[in-house]
């Protein structure tokens, strides 16, 4: 996957490697296609970055659309507009539910988050398995999620 940026350039937002073994696998596909638009970018080393959009009522909203495809579109992953709802234990990371695309109001809980910001441990939810074509079991640890919110005004 094509990378841009530098760790110091991430700024505010959500930075995530999804699952390193998955990214490594897809990067070797001969027909790999990927795009990062509308506030999303791919930054070194193969991390996805989503720009900060807003924070209200314990929910941090980020914007951007990342799509990864290969195997003649049999592999298709779409991560769009991630939100993190913070809880006492960490939080829940949700994304727009591709099953209802282009409806942007329906969300899918992709990962439970544990620990404290800026870096949280991420674990795949049962519902989130569909994002990866049911290739990973619920509860498997994903890459850490790094969240940087702007300083309060």
Protein backbone atom coordinates (compact mmCIF):
# COMPACT_ATOMS: atom_id res chain seq x y z
CA UNK A 1 0.00 0.00 0.00
CA UNK A 2 1.24 3.48 -0.79
CA UNK A 3 2.22 5.48 2.26
CA UNK A 4 2.33 9.23 2.79
CA UNK A 5 3.25 11.38 5.71
CA UNK A 6 5.40 11.05 8.75
CA UNK A 7 4.58 10.23 12.38
CA UNK A 8 4.92 13.92 13.30
CA UNK A 9 2.43 14.84 10.57
CA UNK A 10 -0.47 12.73 11.85
CA UNK A 11 -1.83 15.53 14.01
CA UNK A 12 -5.24 15.09 15.59
CA UNK A 13 -7.30 12.13 14.52
CA UNK A 14 -7.44 8.36 14.71
CA UNK A 15 -4.48 6.31 13.49
CA UNK A 16 -4.82 2.55 13.12
CA UNK A 17 -3.07 -0.34 11.39
CA UNK A 18 -6.23 -2.52 11.41
CA UNK A 19 -4.50 -5.91 11.69
CA UNK A 20 -0.85 -5.96 10.67
CA UNK A 21 -1.01 -9.50 9.24
CA UNK A 22 -4.00 -8.48 7.10
CA UNK A 23 -2.21 -5.38 5.76
CA UNK A 24 0.89 -7.47 5.04
CA UNK A 25 -1.22 -10.04 3.18
CA UNK A 26 -3.14 -7.57 1.02
CA UNK A 27 -0.01 -5.59 0.17
CA UNK A 28 1.27 -8.67 -1.70
CA UNK A 29 -1.86 -9.18 -3.82
CA UNK A 30 -1.17 -8.70 -7.53
CA UNK A 31 -4.53 -7.00 -8.08
CA UNK A 32 -4.55 -4.90 -4.88
CA UNK A 33 -6.52 -1.69 -5.15
CA UNK A 34 -6.88 0.80 -2.36
CA UNK A 35 -8.05 4.34 -1.82
CA UNK A 36 -8.05 6.73 1.11
CA UNK A 37 -10.21 9.83 0.62
CA UNK A 38 -12.43 12.40 2.32
CA UNK A 39 -10.15 12.90 5.33
CA UNK A 40 -8.46 9.50 5.38
CA UNK A 41 -4.87 8.82 4.42
CA UNK A 42 -2.36 5.97 4.52
CA UNK A 43 0.67 6.92 6.59
CA UNK A 44 3.91 5.16 7.49
CA UNK A 45 4.23 2.33 8.26
CA UNK A 46 1.02 1.24 6.53
CA UNK A 47 -1.26 2.87 9.05
CA UNK A 48 -4.65 4.38 8.29
CA UNK A 49 -5.27 7.90 9.55
CA UNK A 50 -8.69 9.52 9.85
CA UNK A 51 -9.03 13.26 10.50
CA UNK A 52 -10.77 14.49 13.64
CA UNK A 53 -14.32 15.70 12.93
CA UNK A 54 -15.95 16.44 16.31
CA UNK A 55 -16.32 15.38 19.93
CA UNK A 56 -19.59 15.47 21.85
CA UNK A 57 -21.23 13.48 24.64
CA UNK A 58 -18.37 11.00 25.02
CA UNK A 59 -18.15 10.22 21.30
CA UNK A 60 -15.14 11.19 19.18
CA UNK A 61 -16.01 11.29 15.49
CA UNK A 62 -13.44 10.98 12.73
CA UNK A 63 -13.87 11.34 8.98
CA UNK A 64 -12.52 9.52 6.00
CA UNK A 65 -13.07 6.57 3.72
CA UNK A 66 -10.57 3.75 3.17
CA UNK A 67 -11.27 0.93 0.74
CA UNK A 68 -9.09 -2.10 0.11
CA UNK A 69 -9.90 -4.61 -2.63
CA UNK A 70 -8.28 -7.63 -4.22
CA UNK A 71 -8.93 -11.15 -5.52
CA UNK A 72 -11.26 -9.76 -8.18
CA UNK A 73 -13.24 -7.91 -5.46
CA UNK A 74 -13.82 -11.11 -3.46
CA UNK A 75 -11.80 -9.29 -0.81
CA UNK A 76 -13.35 -5.89 -0.13
CA UNK A 77 -12.84 -3.93 3.08
CA UNK A 78 -14.38 -0.51 3.66
CA UNK A 79 -13.60 1.54 6.78
CA UNK A 80 -15.57 4.79 6.73
CA UNK A 81 -16.04 7.56 9.31
CA UNK A 82 -14.88 5.76 12.47
CA UNK A 83 -16.35 6.87 15.77
CA UNK A 84 -15.16 6.01 19.26
CA UNK A 85 -17.68 5.96 22.07
CA UNK A 86 -15.68 6.13 25.28
CA UNK A 87 -16.61 3.96 28.26
CA UNK A 88 -15.07 3.34 31.69
CA UNK A 89 -13.26 0.28 30.24
CA UNK A 90 -12.03 2.00 27.07
CA UNK A 91 -14.57 2.28 24.29
CA UNK A 92 -16.21 0.95 21.17
CA UNK A 93 -14.98 1.79 17.68
CA UNK A 94 -17.76 1.79 15.08
CA UNK A 95 -17.79 2.42 11.33
CA UNK A 96 -20.46 2.93 8.71
CA UNK A 97 -22.11 -0.44 8.03
CA UNK A 98 -21.25 -1.37 4.43
CA UNK A 99 -24.26 -3.72 4.30
CA UNK A 100 -26.50 -0.63 4.15
CA UNK A 101 -24.25 1.57 1.98
CA UNK A 102 -24.82 4.32 0.87
CA UNK A 103 -26.87 4.89 4.06
CA UNK A 104 -24.37 6.65 6.33
CA UNK A 105 -26.57 6.52 9.44
CA UNK A 106 -26.25 2.80 10.19
CA UNK A 107 -23.14 1.88 12.11
CA UNK A 108 -21.37 -1.36 12.89
CA UNK A 109 -19.39 -1.90 16.12
CA UNK A 110 -16.04 -3.04 14.72
CA UNK A 111 -13.83 -3.23 17.81
CA UNK A 112 -13.95 -2.93 21.56
CA UNK A 113 -11.18 -0.77 22.96
CA UNK A 114 -9.37 -1.22 26.26
CA UNK A 115 -6.96 1.01 28.08
CA UNK A 116 -6.57 4.74 27.91
CA UNK A 117 -5.87 7.26 25.22
CA UNK A 118 -3.83 7.98 23.28
CA UNK A 119 -3.17 4.27 22.54
CA UNK A 120 -5.93 1.72 23.09
CA UNK A 121 -5.88 -2.04 22.58
CA UNK A 122 -8.48 -3.14 20.01
CA UNK A 123 -10.41 -6.43 19.86
CA UNK A 124 -12.65 -7.53 16.99
CA UNK A 125 -16.36 -7.70 17.79
CA UNK A 126 -18.71 -10.43 16.57
CA UNK A 127 -20.35 -7.89 14.24
CA UNK A 128 -16.95 -6.65 13.08
CA UNK A 129 -16.00 -10.07 11.71
CA UNK A 130 -18.03 -9.23 8.58
CA UNK A 131 -15.67 -6.35 7.74
CA UNK A 132 -12.90 -8.92 7.23
CA UNK A 133 -15.11 -11.45 5.46
CA UNK A 134 -15.44 -13.54 8.65
CA UNK A 135 -11.76 -14.51 8.37
CA UNK A 136 -10.95 -13.63 12.00
CA UNK A 137 -12.69 -14.78 15.17
CA UNK A 138 -14.45 -12.37 17.50
CA UNK A 139 -12.17 -11.28 20.31
CA UNK A 140 -8.93 -11.48 18.31
CA UNK A 141 -6.60 -8.61 19.08
CA UNK A 142 -6.23 -6.07 16.30
CA UNK A 143 -3.58 -3.38 16.03
CA UNK A 144 -3.70 -0.63 18.67
CA UNK A 145 -5.80 2.44 17.94
CA UNK A 146 -4.11 5.79 18.56
CA UNK A 147 -6.42 8.74 19.20
CA UNK A 148 -5.29 12.34 19.34
CA UNK A 149 -8.02 14.86 20.11
CA UNK A 150 -7.49 18.61 19.74
CA UNK A 151 -6.90 20.67 22.85
CA UNK A 152 -10.19 22.00 24.25
CA UNK A 153 -10.89 25.58 23.23
